[in-house]
Amino acid sequence: MKHQRIITNAEKGIIIEEYLTGPNSSREIAKKYNVSQRSVTNWAKTYKEEIMGTKNVKPKEENTAESSKEKSLELELRRLRKELEAKDFKILVLETTIKKAGELYGVDIKKKLDGK
């Protein structure tokens, strides 16, 4: 029986962020972090569905060719959405980290930071 290592939510967050924002494929990231490729893609999919409220729905192919400007705008929109997803996820990870650190040390860290 293969021993499975437990991946923390923080580690998953780092992996998902790298997958969604970086140039590396899920295969390369899986190898880098010693996890399965399926785990990387499943975590990213779950993140998108739960946090961002998006599902992987394939659009119907159009019979007519789109103009190059429309294609360019669509690509830019996809890039910006991906970037926004990554930023939102980063905020979630940071807020969770602050909350957990506050619980660990018994101090409301966020309140202390806001009071500066």
PDB file of N, CA and C in Angstrom:
ATOM      1  N   MET A   1       0.847  -1.183   0.000  1.00  0.00           N
ATOM      2  CA  MET A   1       0.000   0.000   0.000  1.00  0.00           C
ATOM      3  C   MET A   1       0.890   1.242   0.000  1.00  0.00           C
ATOM      4  N   LYS A   2       0.574   2.171  -0.869  1.00  0.00           N
ATOM      5  CA  LYS A   2       1.352   3.391  -1.004  1.00  0.00           C
ATOM      6  C   LYS A   2       0.979   4.357   0.118  1.00  0.00           C
ATOM      7  N   HIS A   3       1.999   4.944   0.741  1.00  0.00           N
ATOM      8  CA  HIS A   3       1.773   5.905   1.821  1.00  0.00           C
ATOM      9  C   HIS A   3       1.435   7.259   1.221  1.00  0.00           C
ATOM     10  N   GLN A   4       0.293   7.803   1.626  1.00  0.00           N
ATOM     11  CA  GLN A   4      -0.119   9.108   1.127  1.00  0.00           C
ATOM     12  C   GLN A   4       0.246  10.179   2.133  1.00  0.00           C
ATOM     13  N   ARG A   5       0.858  11.208   1.642  1.00  0.00           N
ATOM     14  CA  ARG A   5       1.230  12.308   2.512  1.00  0.00           C
ATOM     15  C   ARG A   5       0.052  13.270   2.591  1.00  0.00           C
ATOM     16  N   ILE A   6      -0.115  13.873   3.746  1.00  0.00           N
ATOM     17  CA  ILE A   6      -1.220  14.811   3.960  1.00  0.00           C
ATOM     18  C   ILE A   6      -0.787  16.197   3.490  1.00  0.00           C
ATOM     19  N   ILE A   7      -1.598  16.770   2.631  1.00  0.00           N
ATOM     20  CA  ILE A   7      -1.323  18.094   2.086  1.00  0.00           C
ATOM     21  C   ILE A   7      -2.179  19.104   2.863  1.00  0.00           C
ATOM     22  N   THR A   8      -1.553  20.107   3.421  1.00  0.00           N
ATOM     23  CA  THR A   8      -2.298  21.122   4.167  1.00  0.00           C
ATOM     24  C   THR A   8      -3.011  22.054   3.199  1.00  0.00           C
ATOM     25  N   ASN A   9      -3.994  22.774   3.731  1.00  0.00           N
ATOM     26  CA  ASN A   9      -4.710  23.737   2.896  1.00  0.00           C
ATOM     27  C   ASN A   9      -3.779  24.829   2.391  1.00  0.00           C
ATOM     28  N   ALA A  10      -2.814  25.202   3.208  1.00  0.00           N
ATOM     29  CA  ALA A  10      -1.852  26.218   2.775  1.00  0.00           C
ATOM     30  C   ALA A  10      -1.039  25.711   1.581  1.00  0.00           C
ATOM     31  N   GLU A  11      -0.604  24.446   1.653  1.00  0.00           N
ATOM     32  CA  GLU A  11       0.146  23.859   0.538  1.00  0.00           C
ATOM     33  C   GLU A  11      -0.730  23.786  -0.710  1.00  0.00           C
ATOM     34  N   LYS A  12      -1.988  23.379  -0.534  1.00  0.00           N
ATOM     35  CA  LYS A  12      -2.904  23.328  -1.667  1.00  0.00           C
ATOM     36  C   LYS A  12      -3.058  24.715  -2.281  1.00  0.00           C
ATOM     37  N   GLY A  13      -3.159  25.725  -1.423  1.00  0.00           N
ATOM     38  CA  GLY A  13      -3.303  27.090  -1.905  1.00  0.00           C
ATOM     39  C   GLY A  13      -2.138  27.518  -2.767  1.00  0.00           C
ATOM     40  N   ILE A  14      -0.940  27.185  -2.324  1.00  0.00           N
ATOM     41  CA  ILE A  14       0.259  27.527  -3.086  1.00  0.00           C
ATOM     42  C   ILE A  14       0.251  26.808  -4.433  1.00  0.00           C
ATOM     43  N   ILE A  15      -0.106  25.537  -4.402  1.00  0.00           N
ATOM     44  CA  ILE A  15      -0.132  24.733  -5.626  1.00  0.00           C
ATOM     45  C   ILE A  15      -1.181  25.272  -6.596  1.00  0.00           C
ATOM     46  N   ILE A  16      -2.379  25.553  -6.083  1.00  0.00           N
ATOM     47  CA  ILE A  16      -3.460  26.063  -6.933  1.00  0.00           C
ATOM     48  C   ILE A  16      -3.077  27.415  -7.525  1.00  0.00           C
ATOM     49  N   GLU A  17      -2.526  28.288  -6.699  1.00  0.00           N
ATOM     50  CA  GLU A  17      -2.142  29.616  -7.187  1.00  0.00           C
ATOM     51  C   GLU A  17      -1.102  29.493  -8.298  1.00  0.00           C
ATOM     52  N   GLU A  18      -0.125  28.632  -8.103  1.00  0.00           N
ATOM     53  CA  GLU A  18       0.907  28.451  -9.125  1.00  0.00           C
ATOM     54  C   GLU A  18       0.307  27.885 -10.406  1.00  0.00           C
ATOM     55  N   TYR A  19      -0.627  26.957 -10.260  1.00  0.00           N
ATOM     56  CA  TYR A  19      -1.257  26.341 -11.430  1.00  0.00           C
ATOM     57  C   TYR A  19      -2.098  27.371 -12.195  1.00  0.00           C
ATOM     58  N   LEU A  20      -2.873  28.174 -11.467  1.00  0.00           N
ATOM     59  CA  LEU A  20      -3.770  29.119 -12.133  1.00  0.00           C
ATOM     60  C   LEU A  20      -3.045  30.335 -12.707  1.00  0.00           C
ATOM     61  N   THR A  21      -1.937  30.720 -12.114  1.00  0.00           N
ATOM     62  CA  THR A  21      -1.287  31.953 -12.556  1.00  0.00           C
ATOM     63  C   THR A  21       0.030  31.733 -13.292  1.00  0.00           C
ATOM     64  N   GLY A  22       0.627  30.573 -13.124  1.00  0.00           N
ATOM     65  CA  GLY A  22       1.946  30.348 -13.697  1.00  0.00           C
ATOM     66  C   GLY A  22       1.909  29.728 -15.074  1.00  0.00           C
ATOM     67  N   PRO A  23       3.063  29.630 -15.692  1.00  0.00           N
ATOM     68  CA  PRO A  23       3.149  29.067 -17.032  1.00  0.00           C
ATOM     69  C   PRO A  23       3.219  27.535 -17.053  1.00  0.00           C
ATOM     70  N   ASN A  24       3.410  26.917 -15.881  1.00  0.00           N
ATOM     71  CA  ASN A  24       3.610  25.471 -15.828  1.00  0.00           C
ATOM     72  C   ASN A  24       2.306  24.700 -15.948  1.00  0.00           C
ATOM     73  N   SER A  25       2.409  23.514 -16.531  1.00  0.00           N
ATOM     74  CA  SER A  25       1.249  22.643 -16.671  1.00  0.00           C
ATOM     75  C   SER A  25       0.969  21.934 -15.352  1.00  0.00           C
ATOM     76  N   SER A  26      -0.205  21.332 -15.272  1.00  0.00           N
ATOM     77  CA  SER A  26      -0.560  20.584 -14.059  1.00  0.00           C
ATOM     78  C   SER A  26       0.417  19.425 -13.852  1.00  0.00           C
ATOM     79  N   ARG A  27       0.895  18.865 -14.914  1.00  0.00           N
ATOM     80  CA  ARG A  27       1.852  17.751 -14.817  1.00  0.00           C
ATOM     81  C   ARG A  27       3.171  18.210 -14.182  1.00  0.00           C
ATOM     82  N   GLU A  28       3.668  19.369 -14.646  1.00  0.00           N
ATOM     83  CA  GLU A  28       4.922  19.909 -14.107  1.00  0.00           C
ATOM     84  C   GLU A  28       4.780  20.284 -12.630  1.00  0.00           C
ATOM     85  N   ILE A  29       3.652  20.871 -12.291  1.00  0.00           N
ATOM     86  CA  ILE A  29       3.416  21.273 -10.907  1.00  0.00           C
ATOM     87  C   ILE A  29       3.268  20.040 -10.014  1.00  0.00           C
ATOM     88  N   ALA A  30       2.564  19.034 -10.508  1.00  0.00           N
ATOM     89  CA  ALA A  30       2.388  17.801  -9.736  1.00  0.00           C
ATOM     90  C   ALA A  30       3.743  17.168  -9.433  1.00  0.00           C
ATOM     91  N   LYS A  31       4.607  17.152 -10.415  1.00  0.00           N
ATOM     92  CA  LYS A  31       5.943  16.578 -10.221  1.00  0.00           C
ATOM     93  C   LYS A  31       6.739  17.408  -9.214  1.00  0.00           C
ATOM     94  N   LYS A  32       6.654  18.737  -9.337  1.00  0.00           N
ATOM     95  CA  LYS A  32       7.394  19.637  -8.456  1.00  0.00           C
ATOM     96  C   LYS A  32       7.003  19.438  -6.989  1.00  0.00           C
ATOM     97  N   TYR A  33       5.711  19.258  -6.717  1.00  0.00           N
ATOM     98  CA  TYR A  33       5.224  19.156  -5.345  1.00  0.00           C
ATOM     99  C   TYR A  33       4.961  17.717  -4.896  1.00  0.00           C
ATOM    100  N   ASN A  34       5.299  16.764  -5.759  1.00  0.00           N
ATOM    101  CA  ASN A  34       5.145  15.347  -5.432  1.00  0.00           C
ATOM    102  C   ASN A  34       3.698  14.986  -5.086  1.00  0.00           C
ATOM    103  N   VAL A  35       2.788  15.436  -5.939  1.00  0.00           N
ATOM    104  CA  VAL A  35       1.375  15.088  -5.822  1.00  0.00           C
ATOM    105  C   VAL A  35       0.918  14.602  -7.195  1.00  0.00           C
ATOM    106  N   SER A  36      -0.279  14.042  -7.251  1.00  0.00           N
ATOM    107  CA  SER A  36      -0.758  13.560  -8.541  1.00  0.00           C
ATOM    108  C   SER A  36      -1.276  14.714  -9.395  1.00  0.00           C
ATOM    109  N   GLN A  37      -1.170  14.531 -10.688  1.00  0.00           N
ATOM    110  CA  GLN A  37      -1.658  15.540 -11.626  1.00  0.00           C
ATOM    111  C   GLN A  37      -3.170  15.711 -11.447  1.00  0.00           C
ATOM    112  N   ARG A  38      -3.847  14.632 -11.201  1.00  0.00           N
ATOM    113  CA  ARG A  38      -5.296  14.678 -11.004  1.00  0.00           C
ATOM    114  C   ARG A  38      -5.644  15.535  -9.787  1.00  0.00           C
ATOM    115  N   SER A  39      -4.835  15.432  -8.720  1.00  0.00           N
ATOM    116  CA  SER A  39      -5.079  16.244  -7.527  1.00  0.00           C
ATOM    117  C   SER A  39      -4.982  17.723  -7.864  1.00  0.00           C
ATOM    118  N   VAL A  40      -3.953  18.088  -8.608  1.00  0.00           N
ATOM    119  CA  VAL A  40      -3.766  19.501  -8.974  1.00  0.00           C
ATOM    120  C   VAL A  40      -4.980  20.018  -9.737  1.00  0.00           C
ATOM    121  N   THR A  41      -5.410  19.286 -10.744  1.00  0.00           N
ATOM    122  CA  THR A  41      -6.544  19.760 -11.550  1.00  0.00           C
ATOM    123  C   THR A  41      -7.844  19.724 -10.753  1.00  0.00           C
ATOM    124  N   ASN A  42      -8.019  18.717  -9.902  1.00  0.00           N
ATOM    125  CA  ASN A  42      -9.236  18.654  -9.087  1.00  0.00           C
ATOM    126  C   ASN A  42      -9.293  19.794  -8.072  1.00  0.00           C
ATOM    127  N   TRP A  43      -8.161  20.092  -7.436  1.00  0.00           N
ATOM    128  CA  TRP A  43      -8.130  21.197  -6.469  1.00  0.00           C
ATOM    129  C   TRP A  43      -8.466  22.512  -7.155  1.00  0.00           C
ATOM    130  N   ALA A  44      -7.888  22.736  -8.328  1.00  0.00           N
ATOM    131  CA  ALA A  44      -8.148  23.976  -9.063  1.00  0.00           C
ATOM    132  C   ALA A  44      -9.620  24.057  -9.475  1.00  0.00           C
ATOM    133  N   LYS A  45     -10.160  22.942  -9.925  1.00  0.00           N
ATOM    134  CA  LYS A  45     -11.568  22.905 -10.336  1.00  0.00           C
ATOM    135  C   LYS A  45     -12.476  23.189  -9.143  1.00  0.00           C
ATOM    136  N   THR A  46     -12.195  22.541  -8.017  1.00  0.00           N
ATOM    137  CA  THR A  46     -12.988  22.753  -6.805  1.00  0.00           C
ATOM    138  C   THR A  46     -12.894  24.206  -6.361  1.00  0.00           C
ATOM    139  N   TYR A  47     -11.690  24.750  -6.405  1.00  0.00           N
ATOM    140  CA  TYR A  47     -11.496  26.153  -6.036  1.00  0.00           C
ATOM    141  C   TYR A  47     -12.357  27.056  -6.911  1.00  0.00           C
ATOM    142  N   LYS A  48     -12.294  26.853  -8.200  1.00  0.00           N
ATOM    143  CA  LYS A  48     -13.057  27.690  -9.122  1.00  0.00           C
ATOM    144  C   LYS A  48     -14.554  27.579  -8.846  1.00  0.00           C
ATOM    145  N   GLU A  49     -15.041  26.359  -8.614  1.00  0.00           N
ATOM    146  CA  GLU A  49     -16.465  26.155  -8.393  1.00  0.00           C
ATOM    147  C   GLU A  49     -16.928  26.716  -7.053  1.00  0.00           C
ATOM    148  N   GLU A  50     -16.179  26.472  -5.990  1.00  0.00           N
ATOM    149  CA  GLU A  50     -16.599  26.894  -4.659  1.00  0.00           C
ATOM    150  C   GLU A  50     -16.313  28.359  -4.378  1.00  0.00           C
ATOM    151  N   ILE A  51     -15.118  28.812  -4.698  1.00  0.00           N
ATOM    152  CA  ILE A  51     -14.717  30.167  -4.355  1.00  0.00           C
ATOM    153  C   ILE A  51     -15.182  31.173  -5.405  1.00  0.00           C
ATOM    154  N   MET A  52     -14.998  30.835  -6.643  1.00  0.00           N
ATOM    155  CA  MET A  52     -15.279  31.793  -7.702  1.00  0.00           C
ATOM    156  C   MET A  52     -16.682  31.635  -8.295  1.00  0.00           C
ATOM    157  N   GLY A  53     -17.353  30.540  -7.985  1.00  0.00           N
ATOM    158  CA  GLY A  53     -18.696  30.330  -8.499  1.00  0.00           C
ATOM    159  C   GLY A  53     -18.739  30.055  -9.985  1.00  0.00           C
ATOM    160  N   THR A  54     -17.670  29.454 -10.518  1.00  0.00           N
ATOM    161  CA  THR A  54     -17.655  29.142 -11.946  1.00  0.00           C
ATOM    162  C   THR A  54     -17.585  27.640 -12.141  1.00  0.00           C
ATOM    163  N   LYS A  55     -18.161  27.187 -13.189  1.00  0.00           N
ATOM    164  CA  LYS A  55     -18.102  25.783 -13.579  1.00  0.00           C
ATOM    165  C   LYS A  55     -17.426  25.711 -14.935  1.00  0.00           C
ATOM    166  N   ASN A  56     -16.778  24.589 -15.204  1.00  0.00           N
ATOM    167  CA  ASN A  56     -16.166  24.407 -16.515  1.00  0.00           C
ATOM    168  C   ASN A  56     -17.243  24.013 -17.520  1.00  0.00           C
ATOM    169  N   VAL A  57     -17.797  24.981 -18.180  1.00  0.00           N
ATOM    170  CA  VAL A  57     -18.818  24.746 -19.175  1.00  0.00           C
ATOM    171  C   VAL A  57     -18.220  25.108 -20.522  1.00  0.00           C
ATOM    172  N   LYS A  58     -18.219  24.150 -21.416  1.00  0.00           N
ATOM    173  CA  LYS A  58     -17.659  24.414 -22.735  1.00  0.00           C
ATOM    174  C   LYS A  58     -18.686  25.164 -23.571  1.00  0.00           C
ATOM    175  N   PRO A  59     -18.283  26.292 -24.144  1.00  0.00           N
ATOM    176  CA  PRO A  59     -19.218  27.038 -24.983  1.00  0.00           C
ATOM    177  C   PRO A  59     -19.465  26.294 -26.295  1.00  0.00           C
ATOM    178  N   LYS A  60     -20.646  26.499 -26.856  1.00  0.00           N
ATOM    179  CA  LYS A  60     -20.961  25.887 -28.145  1.00  0.00           C
ATOM    180  C   LYS A  60     -20.114  26.547 -29.220  1.00  0.00           C
ATOM    181  N   GLU A  61     -19.626  25.727 -30.122  1.00  0.00           N
ATOM    182  CA  GLU A  61     -18.821  26.274 -31.204  1.00  0.00           C
ATOM    183  C   GLU A  61     -19.741  26.973 -32.205  1.00  0.00           C
ATOM    184  N   GLU A  62     -19.293  28.111 -32.627  1.00  0.00           N
ATOM    185  CA  GLU A  62     -20.076  28.859 -33.602  1.00  0.00           C
ATOM    186  C   GLU A  62     -19.682  28.423 -35.000  1.00  0.00           C
ATOM    187  N   ASN A  63     -20.658  28.419 -35.885  1.00  0.00           N
ATOM    188  CA  ASN A  63     -20.396  28.039 -37.273  1.00  0.00           C
ATOM    189  C   ASN A  63     -19.702  29.163 -38.027  1.00  0.00           C
ATOM    190  N   THR A  64     -19.927  30.388 -37.621  1.00  0.00           N
ATOM    191  CA  THR A  64     -19.319  31.516 -38.312  1.00  0.00           C
ATOM    192  C   THR A  64     -18.006  31.893 -37.629  1.00  0.00           C
ATOM    193  N   ALA A  65     -17.093  32.401 -38.395  1.00  0.00           N
ATOM    194  CA  ALA A  65     -15.789  32.810 -37.854  1.00  0.00           C
ATOM    195  C   ALA A  65     -15.934  34.148 -37.138  1.00  0.00           C
ATOM    196  N   GLU A  66     -15.281  34.258 -35.975  1.00  0.00           N
ATOM    197  CA  GLU A  66     -15.311  35.521 -35.222  1.00  0.00           C
ATOM    198  C   GLU A  66     -14.257  36.447 -35.803  1.00  0.00           C
ATOM    199  N   SER A  67     -14.493  37.716 -35.619  1.00  0.00           N
ATOM    200  CA  SER A  67     -13.500  38.674 -36.078  1.00  0.00           C
ATOM    201  C   SER A  67     -12.261  38.584 -35.198  1.00  0.00           C
ATOM    202  N   SER A  68     -11.135  39.005 -35.703  1.00  0.00           N
ATOM    203  CA  SER A  68      -9.896  38.934 -34.922  1.00  0.00           C
ATOM    204  C   SER A  68      -9.968  39.829 -33.686  1.00  0.00           C
ATOM    205  N   LYS A  69     -10.692  40.953 -33.791  1.00  0.00           N
ATOM    206  CA  LYS A  69     -10.848  41.835 -32.632  1.00  0.00           C
ATOM    207  C   LYS A  69     -11.635  41.138 -31.535  1.00  0.00           C
ATOM    208  N   GLU A  70     -12.702  40.439 -31.885  1.00  0.00           N
ATOM    209  CA  GLU A  70     -13.499  39.707 -30.903  1.00  0.00           C
ATOM    210  C   GLU A  70     -12.662  38.621 -30.234  1.00  0.00           C
ATOM    211  N   LYS A  71     -11.861  37.926 -31.006  1.00  0.00           N
ATOM    212  CA  LYS A  71     -10.992  36.889 -30.462  1.00  0.00           C
ATOM    213  C   LYS A  71      -9.977  37.485 -29.497  1.00  0.00           C
ATOM    214  N   SER A  72      -9.421  38.608 -29.902  1.00  0.00           N
ATOM    215  CA  SER A  72      -8.443  39.280 -29.060  1.00  0.00           C
ATOM    216  C   SER A  72      -9.068  39.718 -27.741  1.00  0.00           C
ATOM    217  N   LEU A  73     -10.262  40.276 -27.797  1.00  0.00           N
ATOM    218  CA  LEU A  73     -10.963  40.712 -26.586  1.00  0.00           C
ATOM    219  C   LEU A  73     -11.329  39.519 -25.701  1.00  0.00           C
ATOM    220  N   GLU A  74     -11.729  38.442 -26.331  1.00  0.00           N
ATOM    221  CA  GLU A  74     -12.074  37.228 -25.571  1.00  0.00           C
ATOM    222  C   GLU A  74     -10.851  36.670 -24.842  1.00  0.00           C
ATOM    223  N   LEU A  75      -9.711  36.656 -25.518  1.00  0.00           N
ATOM    224  CA  LEU A  75      -8.477  36.184 -24.884  1.00  0.00           C
ATOM    225  C   LEU A  75      -8.074  37.096 -23.727  1.00  0.00           C
ATOM    226  N   GLU A  76      -8.204  38.394 -23.920  1.00  0.00           N
ATOM    227  CA  GLU A  76      -7.880  39.351 -22.858  1.00  0.00           C
ATOM    228  C   GLU A  76      -8.815  39.166 -21.669  1.00  0.00           C
ATOM    229  N   LEU A  77     -10.090  38.953 -21.937  1.00  0.00           N
ATOM    230  CA  LEU A  77     -11.066  38.727 -20.875  1.00  0.00           C
ATOM    231  C   LEU A  77     -10.732  37.461 -20.090  1.00  0.00           C
ATOM    232  N   ARG A  78     -10.376  36.400 -20.777  1.00  0.00           N
ATOM    233  CA  ARG A  78      -9.977  35.156 -20.096  1.00  0.00           C
ATOM    234  C   ARG A  78      -8.760  35.373 -19.213  1.00  0.00           C
ATOM    235  N   ARG A  79      -7.781  36.087 -19.758  1.00  0.00           N
ATOM    236  CA  ARG A  79      -6.562  36.358 -18.992  1.00  0.00           C
ATOM    237  C   ARG A  79      -6.882  37.166 -17.739  1.00  0.00           C
ATOM    238  N   LEU A  80      -7.708  38.177 -17.889  1.00  0.00           N
ATOM    239  CA  LEU A  80      -8.067  39.017 -16.752  1.00  0.00           C
ATOM    240  C   LEU A  80      -8.881  38.252 -15.712  1.00  0.00           C
ATOM    241  N   ARG A  81      -9.767  37.384 -16.172  1.00  0.00           N
ATOM    242  CA  ARG A  81     -10.539  36.563 -15.226  1.00  0.00           C
ATOM    243  C   ARG A  81      -9.630  35.623 -14.452  1.00  0.00           C
ATOM    244  N   LYS A  82      -8.685  35.023 -15.153  1.00  0.00           N
ATOM    245  CA  LYS A  82      -7.742  34.124 -14.495  1.00  0.00           C
ATOM    246  C   LYS A  82      -6.908  34.888 -13.461  1.00  0.00           C
ATOM    247  N   GLU A  83      -6.484  36.079 -13.833  1.00  0.00           N
ATOM    248  CA  GLU A  83      -5.701  36.909 -12.920  1.00  0.00           C
ATOM    249  C   GLU A  83      -6.535  37.313 -11.705  1.00  0.00           C
ATOM    250  N   LEU A  84      -7.807  37.660 -11.940  1.00  0.00           N
ATOM    251  CA  LEU A  84      -8.698  38.021 -10.841  1.00  0.00           C
ATOM    252  C   LEU A  84      -8.930  36.828  -9.908  1.00  0.00           C
ATOM    253  N   GLU A  85      -9.127  35.646 -10.484  1.00  0.00           N
ATOM    254  CA  GLU A  85      -9.294  34.444  -9.671  1.00  0.00           C
ATOM    255  C   GLU A  85      -8.085  34.226  -8.773  1.00  0.00           C
ATOM    256  N   ALA A  86      -6.916  34.395  -9.335  1.00  0.00           N
ATOM    257  CA  ALA A  86      -5.689  34.195  -8.570  1.00  0.00           C
ATOM    258  C   ALA A  86      -5.582  35.214  -7.446  1.00  0.00           C
ATOM    259  N   LYS A  87      -5.905  36.469  -7.730  1.00  0.00           N
ATOM    260  CA  LYS A  87      -5.831  37.524  -6.707  1.00  0.00           C
ATOM    261  C   LYS A  87      -6.853  37.258  -5.601  1.00  0.00           C
ATOM    262  N   ASP A  88      -8.074  36.875  -5.982  1.00  0.00           N
ATOM    263  CA  ASP A  88      -9.095  36.569  -4.979  1.00  0.00           C
ATOM    264  C   ASP A  88      -8.662  35.404  -4.103  1.00  0.00           C
ATOM    265  N   PHE A  89      -8.059  34.405  -4.715  1.00  0.00           N
ATOM    266  CA  PHE A  89      -7.594  33.254  -3.947  1.00  0.00           C
ATOM    267  C   PHE A  89      -6.467  33.662  -2.998  1.00  0.00           C
ATOM    268  N   LYS A  90      -5.579  34.500  -3.478  1.00  0.00           N
ATOM    269  CA  LYS A  90      -4.468  34.963  -2.637  1.00  0.00           C
ATOM    270  C   LYS A  90      -5.004  35.723  -1.418  1.00  0.00           C
ATOM    271  N   ILE A  91      -6.004  36.559  -1.632  1.00  0.00           N
ATOM    272  CA  ILE A  91      -6.624  37.290  -0.523  1.00  0.00           C
ATOM    273  C   ILE A  91      -7.232  36.310   0.471  1.00  0.00           C
ATOM    274  N   LEU A  92      -7.920  35.298  -0.037  1.00  0.00           N
ATOM    275  CA  LEU A  92      -8.529  34.296   0.838  1.00  0.00           C
ATOM    276  C   LEU A  92      -7.475  33.578   1.675  1.00  0.00           C
ATOM    277  N   VAL A  93      -6.378  33.194   1.042  1.00  0.00           N
ATOM    278  CA  VAL A  93      -5.297  32.502   1.751  1.00  0.00           C
ATOM    279  C   VAL A  93      -4.695  33.420   2.819  1.00  0.00           C
ATOM    280  N   LEU A  94      -4.443  34.671   2.465  1.00  0.00           N
ATOM    281  CA  LEU A  94      -3.858  35.608   3.418  1.00  0.00           C
ATOM    282  C   LEU A  94      -4.800  35.880   4.591  1.00  0.00           C
ATOM    283  N   GLU A  95      -6.084  36.078   4.309  1.00  0.00           N
ATOM    284  CA  GLU A  95      -7.045  36.318   5.388  1.00  0.00           C
ATOM    285  C   GLU A  95      -7.157  35.112   6.307  1.00  0.00           C
ATOM    286  N   THR A  96      -7.144  33.924   5.726  1.00  0.00           N
ATOM    287  CA  THR A  96      -7.206  32.698   6.531  1.00  0.00           C
ATOM    288  C   THR A  96      -5.951  32.565   7.374  1.00  0.00           C
ATOM    289  N   THR A  97      -4.810  32.878   6.805  1.00  0.00           N
ATOM    290  CA  THR A  97      -3.540  32.808   7.542  1.00  0.00           C
ATOM    291  C   THR A  97      -3.544  33.786   8.719  1.00  0.00           C
ATOM    292  N   ILE A  98      -4.017  35.001   8.481  1.00  0.00           N
ATOM    293  CA  ILE A  98      -4.096  35.995   9.550  1.00  0.00           C
ATOM    294  C   ILE A  98      -5.017  35.512  10.662  1.00  0.00           C
ATOM    295  N   LYS A  99      -6.152  34.962  10.269  1.00  0.00           N
ATOM    296  CA  LYS A  99      -7.115  34.460  11.258  1.00  0.00           C
ATOM    297  C   LYS A  99      -6.509  33.333  12.088  1.00  0.00           C
ATOM    298  N   LYS A 100      -5.870  32.371  11.411  1.00  0.00           N
ATOM    299  CA  LYS A 100      -5.263  31.234  12.115  1.00  0.00           C
ATOM    300  C   LYS A 100      -4.124  31.687  13.024  1.00  0.00           C
ATOM    301  N   ALA A 101      -3.326  32.636  12.546  1.00  0.00           N
ATOM    302  CA  ALA A 101      -2.224  33.148  13.370  1.00  0.00           C
ATOM    303  C   ALA A 101      -2.779  33.854  14.597  1.00  0.00           C
ATOM    304  N   GLY A 102      -3.853  34.590  14.416  1.00  0.00           N
ATOM    305  CA  GLY A 102      -4.491  35.271  15.535  1.00  0.00           C
ATOM    306  C   GLY A 102      -5.013  34.288  16.569  1.00  0.00           C
ATOM    307  N   GLU A 103      -5.618  33.197  16.089  1.00  0.00           N
ATOM    308  CA  GLU A 103      -6.111  32.162  17.004  1.00  0.00           C
ATOM    309  C   GLU A 103      -4.949  31.500  17.732  1.00  0.00           C
ATOM    310  N   LEU A 104      -3.872  31.261  17.016  1.00  0.00           N
ATOM    311  CA  LEU A 104      -2.708  30.602  17.597  1.00  0.00           C
ATOM    312  C   LEU A 104      -2.065  31.452  18.689  1.00  0.00           C
ATOM    313  N   TYR A 105      -1.953  32.748  18.450  1.00  0.00           N
ATOM    314  CA  TYR A 105      -1.283  33.635  19.397  1.00  0.00           C
ATOM    315  C   TYR A 105      -2.243  34.389  20.319  1.00  0.00           C
ATOM    316  N   GLY A 106      -3.546  34.198  20.125  1.00  0.00           N
ATOM    317  CA  GLY A 106      -4.530  34.839  20.985  1.00  0.00           C
ATOM    318  C   GLY A 106      -4.616  36.345  20.803  1.00  0.00           C
ATOM    319  N   VAL A 107      -4.317  36.821  19.603  1.00  0.00           N
ATOM    320  CA  VAL A 107      -4.336  38.259  19.320  1.00  0.00           C
ATOM    321  C   VAL A 107      -5.117  38.473  18.030  1.00  0.00           C
ATOM    322  N   ASP A 108      -5.945  39.508  18.020  1.00  0.00           N
ATOM    323  CA  ASP A 108      -6.675  39.847  16.788  1.00  0.00           C
ATOM    324  C   ASP A 108      -5.712  40.649  15.897  1.00  0.00           C
ATOM    325  N   ILE A 109      -4.962  39.932  15.090  1.00  0.00           N
ATOM    326  CA  ILE A 109      -3.928  40.553  14.262  1.00  0.00           C
ATOM    327  C   ILE A 109      -4.509  41.544  13.269  1.00  0.00           C
ATOM    328  N   LYS A 110      -5.631  41.209  12.684  1.00  0.00           N
ATOM    329  CA  LYS A 110      -6.242  42.090  11.691  1.00  0.00           C
ATOM    330  C   LYS A 110      -6.646  43.411  12.341  1.00  0.00           C
ATOM    331  N   LYS A 111      -7.204  43.353  13.543  1.00  0.00           N
ATOM    332  CA  LYS A 111      -7.600  44.567  14.243  1.00  0.00           C
ATOM    333  C   LYS A 111      -6.373  45.427  14.567  1.00  0.00           C
ATOM    334  N   LYS A 112      -5.290  44.758  14.978  1.00  0.00           N
ATOM    335  CA  LYS A 112      -4.048  45.486  15.290  1.00  0.00           C
ATOM    336  C   LYS A 112      -3.514  46.178  14.028  1.00  0.00           C
ATOM    337  N   LEU A 113      -3.576  45.498  12.886  1.00  0.00           N
ATOM    338  CA  LEU A 113      -3.084  46.083  11.646  1.00  0.00           C
ATOM    339  C   LEU A 113      -3.937  47.251  11.193  1.00  0.00           C
ATOM    340  N   ASP A 114      -5.270  47.134  11.360  1.00  0.00           N
ATOM    341  CA  ASP A 114      -6.172  48.210  10.969  1.00  0.00           C
ATOM    342  C   ASP A 114      -6.004  49.441  11.831  1.00  0.00           C
ATOM    343  N   GLY A 115      -5.520  49.265  13.061  1.00  0.00           N
ATOM    344  CA  GLY A 115      -5.393  50.375  13.995  1.00  0.00           C
ATOM    345  C   GLY A 115      -4.161  51.229  13.787  1.00  0.00           C
ATOM    346  N   LYS A 116      -3.247  50.812  12.913  1.00  0.00           N
ATOM    347  CA  LYS A 116      -2.008  51.561  12.677  1.00  0.00           C
ATOM    348  C   LYS A 116      -2.249  52.899  12.077  1.00  0.00           C
TER     349      LYS A 116
END
